[in-house]
């Protein structure tokens, strides 16, 4: 099976929905999946964020995120991006942790990368 890395860099409901959807699909097909949140994408690490806003296709981030949390899919959250937006680990979902650029590059070197 393949390794996939999904990188979310925007606070955009549609992009977040697609990122989480494709991560769920890849994992459910048996692939290794990692997600990394950078820039404004780190705002999705906040477990108090509104996750039920529907896209044009009728789905939303909350349709996919619970699966990723329950299946312990690792979600890295860029440390300086989160700190500068005053998001700390107390607001994270349990499968999320602060992480950095060196690990992101290492994961990207071994994976097919999707950017949202």
N, C-alpha and C. Protein backbone atom coordinates (compact mmCIF):
# COMPACT_ATOMS: atom_id res chain seq x y z
N UNK A 1 0.85 -1.18 0.00
CA UNK A 1 0.00 0.00 0.00
C UNK A 1 0.89 1.25 0.00
N UNK A 2 0.29 2.35 -0.31
CA UNK A 2 1.02 3.61 -0.46
C UNK A 2 0.98 4.44 0.82
N UNK A 3 1.89 5.41 0.90
CA UNK A 3 1.90 6.41 1.96
C UNK A 3 1.35 7.70 1.38
N UNK A 4 0.42 8.30 2.09
CA UNK A 4 -0.17 9.57 1.67
C UNK A 4 0.02 10.61 2.77
N UNK A 5 0.34 11.83 2.35
CA UNK A 5 0.45 12.97 3.26
C UNK A 5 -0.50 14.04 2.74
N UNK A 6 -1.43 14.45 3.58
CA UNK A 6 -2.40 15.49 3.25
C UNK A 6 -2.04 16.74 4.04
N UNK A 7 -1.78 17.84 3.32
CA UNK A 7 -1.36 19.09 3.95
C UNK A 7 -2.47 20.11 3.76
N UNK A 8 -2.97 20.63 4.87
CA UNK A 8 -4.02 21.65 4.83
C UNK A 8 -3.43 22.97 5.31
N UNK A 9 -3.48 23.98 4.45
CA UNK A 9 -2.85 25.27 4.78
C UNK A 9 -3.84 26.43 4.86
N UNK A 10 -5.13 26.15 4.71
CA UNK A 10 -6.09 27.25 4.68
C UNK A 10 -7.25 27.00 5.64
N UNK A 11 -7.81 28.09 6.13
CA UNK A 11 -9.02 28.03 6.95
C UNK A 11 -10.20 28.14 6.00
N UNK A 12 -10.39 27.10 5.22
CA UNK A 12 -11.42 27.07 4.18
C UNK A 12 -12.23 25.79 4.37
N UNK A 13 -13.52 25.94 4.55
CA UNK A 13 -14.38 24.79 4.85
C UNK A 13 -14.36 23.74 3.75
N UNK A 14 -14.39 24.16 2.49
CA UNK A 14 -14.39 23.20 1.39
C UNK A 14 -13.05 22.46 1.33
N UNK A 15 -11.95 23.18 1.44
CA UNK A 15 -10.63 22.53 1.38
C UNK A 15 -10.44 21.59 2.57
N UNK A 16 -10.88 21.99 3.75
CA UNK A 16 -10.77 21.12 4.92
C UNK A 16 -11.62 19.86 4.74
N UNK A 17 -12.82 20.03 4.22
CA UNK A 17 -13.70 18.88 4.00
C UNK A 17 -13.05 17.90 3.03
N UNK A 18 -12.53 18.40 1.91
CA UNK A 18 -11.90 17.51 0.93
C UNK A 18 -10.64 16.85 1.48
N UNK A 19 -9.84 17.60 2.20
CA UNK A 19 -8.62 17.05 2.79
C UNK A 19 -8.97 15.88 3.71
N UNK A 20 -9.91 16.09 4.60
CA UNK A 20 -10.30 15.06 5.55
C UNK A 20 -11.00 13.89 4.86
N UNK A 21 -11.80 14.20 3.84
CA UNK A 21 -12.49 13.15 3.08
C UNK A 21 -11.48 12.22 2.42
N UNK A 22 -10.51 12.80 1.70
CA UNK A 22 -9.56 11.96 0.98
C UNK A 22 -8.63 11.21 1.94
N UNK A 23 -8.33 11.81 3.08
CA UNK A 23 -7.54 11.10 4.09
C UNK A 23 -8.32 9.88 4.60
N UNK A 24 -9.60 10.06 4.85
CA UNK A 24 -10.43 8.94 5.31
C UNK A 24 -10.50 7.85 4.25
N UNK A 25 -10.72 8.24 3.00
CA UNK A 25 -10.80 7.26 1.91
C UNK A 25 -9.50 6.47 1.81
N UNK A 26 -8.38 7.18 1.80
CA UNK A 26 -7.08 6.51 1.68
C UNK A 26 -6.87 5.52 2.82
N UNK A 27 -7.17 5.94 4.04
CA UNK A 27 -6.99 5.05 5.19
C UNK A 27 -7.92 3.84 5.11
N UNK A 28 -9.17 4.08 4.73
CA UNK A 28 -10.12 2.97 4.67
C UNK A 28 -9.76 1.96 3.58
N UNK A 29 -8.94 2.37 2.61
CA UNK A 29 -8.45 1.46 1.57
C UNK A 29 -7.15 0.78 1.99
N UNK A 30 -6.69 1.04 3.22
CA UNK A 30 -5.52 0.37 3.75
C UNK A 30 -4.21 1.10 3.58
N UNK A 31 -4.24 2.33 3.10
CA UNK A 31 -3.01 3.10 2.91
C UNK A 31 -2.57 3.75 4.23
N UNK A 32 -1.29 4.06 4.32
CA UNK A 32 -0.75 4.80 5.45
C UNK A 32 -1.07 6.27 5.21
N UNK A 33 -1.64 6.93 6.21
CA UNK A 33 -2.09 8.31 6.06
C UNK A 33 -1.53 9.17 7.19
N UNK A 34 -1.02 10.34 6.82
CA UNK A 34 -0.65 11.39 7.77
C UNK A 34 -1.26 12.69 7.26
N UNK A 35 -1.62 13.53 8.20
CA UNK A 35 -2.15 14.86 7.88
C UNK A 35 -1.27 15.87 8.59
N UNK A 36 -1.05 17.00 7.95
CA UNK A 36 -0.25 18.07 8.56
C UNK A 36 -0.96 19.39 8.32
N UNK A 37 -1.16 20.15 9.39
CA UNK A 37 -1.82 21.46 9.31
C UNK A 37 -0.76 22.56 9.40
N UNK A 38 -0.76 23.45 8.42
CA UNK A 38 0.17 24.58 8.42
C UNK A 38 -0.59 25.87 8.16
N UNK A 39 0.08 26.99 8.39
CA UNK A 39 -0.51 28.31 8.17
C UNK A 39 -1.91 28.37 8.80
N UNK A 40 -2.89 28.93 8.08
CA UNK A 40 -4.23 29.03 8.65
C UNK A 40 -4.94 27.69 8.79
N UNK A 41 -4.37 26.64 8.21
CA UNK A 41 -4.93 25.30 8.38
C UNK A 41 -4.91 24.84 9.83
N UNK A 42 -4.02 25.41 10.64
CA UNK A 42 -3.95 25.01 12.05
C UNK A 42 -5.23 25.36 12.80
N UNK A 43 -6.03 26.26 12.27
CA UNK A 43 -7.28 26.61 12.93
C UNK A 43 -8.23 25.42 13.01
N UNK A 44 -8.02 24.43 12.15
CA UNK A 44 -8.85 23.21 12.18
C UNK A 44 -8.45 22.27 13.31
N UNK A 45 -7.37 22.55 14.00
CA UNK A 45 -6.97 21.73 15.15
C UNK A 45 -7.82 22.04 16.38
N UNK A 46 -8.53 23.14 16.36
CA UNK A 46 -9.34 23.56 17.49
C UNK A 46 -10.61 22.71 17.56
N UNK A 47 -10.71 21.87 18.58
CA UNK A 47 -11.87 20.98 18.70
C UNK A 47 -13.18 21.73 18.96
N UNK A 48 -13.09 23.03 19.21
CA UNK A 48 -14.29 23.84 19.43
C UNK A 48 -14.72 24.57 18.16
N UNK A 49 -14.01 24.35 17.07
CA UNK A 49 -14.34 24.98 15.79
C UNK A 49 -15.65 24.39 15.26
N UNK A 50 -16.39 25.22 14.58
CA UNK A 50 -17.64 24.80 13.95
C UNK A 50 -17.31 23.88 12.77
N UNK A 51 -17.68 22.62 12.87
CA UNK A 51 -17.29 21.60 11.88
C UNK A 51 -18.45 21.08 11.05
N UNK A 52 -19.62 21.67 11.18
CA UNK A 52 -20.80 21.13 10.49
C UNK A 52 -21.30 22.01 9.35
N UNK A 53 -20.54 23.02 8.98
CA UNK A 53 -20.94 23.84 7.84
C UNK A 53 -20.81 23.00 6.56
N UNK A 54 -21.89 22.89 5.83
CA UNK A 54 -21.90 22.04 4.65
C UNK A 54 -21.27 22.72 3.44
N UNK A 55 -20.67 21.91 2.59
CA UNK A 55 -20.14 22.37 1.31
C UNK A 55 -21.27 22.29 0.28
N UNK A 56 -20.96 22.68 -0.96
CA UNK A 56 -21.94 22.60 -2.04
C UNK A 56 -22.43 21.17 -2.27
N UNK A 57 -21.58 20.20 -1.94
CA UNK A 57 -21.96 18.79 -2.15
C UNK A 57 -22.69 18.19 -0.95
N UNK A 58 -22.90 19.00 0.09
CA UNK A 58 -23.69 18.56 1.24
C UNK A 58 -22.93 17.90 2.36
N UNK A 59 -21.61 17.74 2.20
CA UNK A 59 -20.82 17.16 3.29
C UNK A 59 -20.08 18.25 4.04
N UNK A 60 -19.45 17.86 5.14
CA UNK A 60 -18.77 18.84 5.98
C UNK A 60 -17.59 18.15 6.67
N UNK A 61 -16.68 18.92 7.29
CA UNK A 61 -15.53 18.31 7.97
C UNK A 61 -15.93 17.26 9.01
N UNK A 62 -17.05 17.49 9.68
CA UNK A 62 -17.47 16.56 10.73
C UNK A 62 -17.93 15.21 10.18
N UNK A 63 -18.13 15.11 8.88
CA UNK A 63 -18.45 13.82 8.27
C UNK A 63 -17.24 12.89 8.25
N UNK A 64 -16.03 13.46 8.35
CA UNK A 64 -14.79 12.69 8.18
C UNK A 64 -13.86 12.72 9.39
N UNK A 65 -13.84 13.83 10.11
CA UNK A 65 -12.90 13.98 11.22
C UNK A 65 -13.10 12.95 12.33
N UNK A 66 -14.32 12.62 12.72
CA UNK A 66 -14.46 11.60 13.77
C UNK A 66 -13.81 10.27 13.41
N UNK A 67 -13.91 9.85 12.16
CA UNK A 67 -13.25 8.62 11.72
C UNK A 67 -11.74 8.73 11.92
N UNK A 68 -11.17 9.86 11.53
CA UNK A 68 -9.72 10.06 11.65
C UNK A 68 -9.28 10.07 13.11
N UNK A 69 -10.09 10.66 13.97
CA UNK A 69 -9.77 10.68 15.41
C UNK A 69 -9.88 9.26 15.98
N UNK A 70 -10.99 8.58 15.69
CA UNK A 70 -11.21 7.23 16.22
C UNK A 70 -10.15 6.24 15.77
N UNK A 71 -9.62 6.44 14.56
CA UNK A 71 -8.62 5.53 14.01
C UNK A 71 -7.20 6.02 14.25
N UNK A 72 -7.06 7.04 15.08
CA UNK A 72 -5.75 7.55 15.51
C UNK A 72 -4.85 7.94 14.33
N UNK A 73 -5.45 8.53 13.29
CA UNK A 73 -4.66 9.01 12.16
C UNK A 73 -3.87 10.21 12.65
N UNK A 74 -2.54 10.18 12.55
CA UNK A 74 -1.73 11.27 13.08
C UNK A 74 -1.94 12.57 12.31
N UNK A 75 -2.21 13.61 13.06
CA UNK A 75 -2.35 14.95 12.48
C UNK A 75 -1.34 15.85 13.18
N UNK A 76 -0.33 16.26 12.41
CA UNK A 76 0.67 17.19 12.92
C UNK A 76 0.18 18.62 12.77
N UNK A 77 0.48 19.42 13.75
CA UNK A 77 0.07 20.83 13.75
C UNK A 77 1.34 21.66 13.85
N UNK A 78 1.58 22.47 12.84
CA UNK A 78 2.79 23.30 12.80
C UNK A 78 2.91 24.13 14.08
N UNK A 79 4.01 23.92 14.79
CA UNK A 79 4.20 24.58 16.08
C UNK A 79 4.18 26.10 15.98
N UNK A 80 5.02 26.74 15.15
CA UNK A 80 4.98 28.20 15.12
C UNK A 80 3.66 28.74 14.57
N UNK A 81 3.05 28.02 13.64
CA UNK A 81 1.76 28.47 13.09
C UNK A 81 0.69 28.48 14.19
N UNK A 82 0.65 27.44 15.00
CA UNK A 82 -0.33 27.34 16.09
C UNK A 82 -0.04 28.36 17.18
N UNK A 83 1.23 28.47 17.58
CA UNK A 83 1.59 29.41 18.65
C UNK A 83 1.23 30.84 18.27
N UNK A 84 1.51 31.22 17.01
CA UNK A 84 1.20 32.58 16.57
C UNK A 84 -0.29 32.86 16.44
N UNK A 85 -1.09 31.81 16.44
CA UNK A 85 -2.54 31.97 16.39
C UNK A 85 -3.18 31.62 17.74
N UNK A 86 -2.35 31.50 18.76
CA UNK A 86 -2.77 31.21 20.13
C UNK A 86 -3.63 29.95 20.24
N UNK A 87 -3.21 28.93 19.50
CA UNK A 87 -3.85 27.62 19.59
C UNK A 87 -2.86 26.68 20.27
N UNK A 88 -3.24 26.14 21.41
CA UNK A 88 -2.34 25.23 22.10
C UNK A 88 -2.95 23.83 22.16
N UNK A 89 -2.18 22.90 22.64
CA UNK A 89 -2.57 21.49 22.63
C UNK A 89 -3.81 21.19 23.46
N UNK A 90 -4.19 22.07 24.37
CA UNK A 90 -5.42 21.83 25.14
C UNK A 90 -6.65 21.92 24.25
N UNK A 91 -6.54 22.56 23.09
CA UNK A 91 -7.66 22.71 22.17
C UNK A 91 -7.67 21.63 21.08
N UNK A 92 -6.65 20.78 21.05
CA UNK A 92 -6.50 19.79 19.99
C UNK A 92 -7.41 18.58 20.18
N UNK A 93 -7.71 17.92 19.08
CA UNK A 93 -8.30 16.60 19.12
C UNK A 93 -7.21 15.63 19.60
N UNK A 94 -7.57 14.47 20.14
CA UNK A 94 -6.56 13.59 20.74
C UNK A 94 -5.51 13.03 19.77
N UNK A 95 -5.78 13.00 18.48
CA UNK A 95 -4.82 12.46 17.52
C UNK A 95 -3.92 13.55 16.92
N UNK A 96 -3.95 14.75 17.50
CA UNK A 96 -3.16 15.87 16.99
C UNK A 96 -2.02 16.20 17.95
N UNK A 97 -0.89 16.61 17.37
CA UNK A 97 0.24 17.04 18.19
C UNK A 97 1.04 18.10 17.47
N UNK A 98 1.68 18.95 18.26
CA UNK A 98 2.54 19.97 17.69
C UNK A 98 3.70 19.29 16.98
N UNK A 99 4.06 19.83 15.83
CA UNK A 99 5.11 19.21 15.02
C UNK A 99 5.80 20.31 14.23
N UNK A 100 6.87 19.95 13.55
CA UNK A 100 7.64 20.96 12.85
C UNK A 100 7.97 20.62 11.41
N UNK A 101 8.56 21.58 10.75
CA UNK A 101 8.94 21.45 9.36
C UNK A 101 9.86 20.29 9.04
N UNK A 102 10.86 20.00 9.89
CA UNK A 102 11.73 18.86 9.58
C UNK A 102 10.96 17.54 9.45
N UNK A 103 9.99 17.31 10.33
CA UNK A 103 9.20 16.08 10.24
C UNK A 103 8.30 16.10 9.01
N UNK A 104 7.75 17.26 8.69
CA UNK A 104 6.92 17.40 7.49
C UNK A 104 7.72 17.01 6.24
N UNK A 105 8.93 17.50 6.14
CA UNK A 105 9.78 17.19 4.99
C UNK A 105 10.12 15.70 4.95
N UNK A 106 10.42 15.11 6.09
CA UNK A 106 10.70 13.68 6.14
C UNK A 106 9.49 12.87 5.67
N UNK A 107 8.31 13.24 6.12
CA UNK A 107 7.10 12.53 5.69
C UNK A 107 6.88 12.71 4.19
N UNK A 108 7.08 13.92 3.70
CA UNK A 108 6.85 14.20 2.28
C UNK A 108 7.81 13.42 1.40
N UNK A 109 9.02 13.19 1.88
CA UNK A 109 10.01 12.45 1.10
C UNK A 109 9.59 11.00 0.87
N UNK A 110 8.70 10.49 1.72
CA UNK A 110 8.30 9.09 1.65
C UNK A 110 6.84 8.90 1.23
N UNK A 111 6.17 9.98 0.78
CA UNK A 111 4.74 9.88 0.54
C UNK A 111 4.31 10.60 -0.73
N UNK A 112 3.12 10.26 -1.16
CA UNK A 112 2.42 11.04 -2.18
C UNK A 112 1.76 12.18 -1.41
N UNK A 113 1.98 13.42 -1.85
CA UNK A 113 1.53 14.59 -1.08
C UNK A 113 0.36 15.26 -1.79
N UNK A 114 -0.67 15.55 -1.03
CA UNK A 114 -1.82 16.31 -1.49
C UNK A 114 -1.86 17.60 -0.69
N UNK A 115 -1.98 18.73 -1.37
CA UNK A 115 -2.03 20.04 -0.72
C UNK A 115 -3.42 20.66 -0.87
N UNK A 116 -3.93 21.15 0.24
CA UNK A 116 -5.23 21.81 0.24
C UNK A 116 -5.09 23.19 0.85
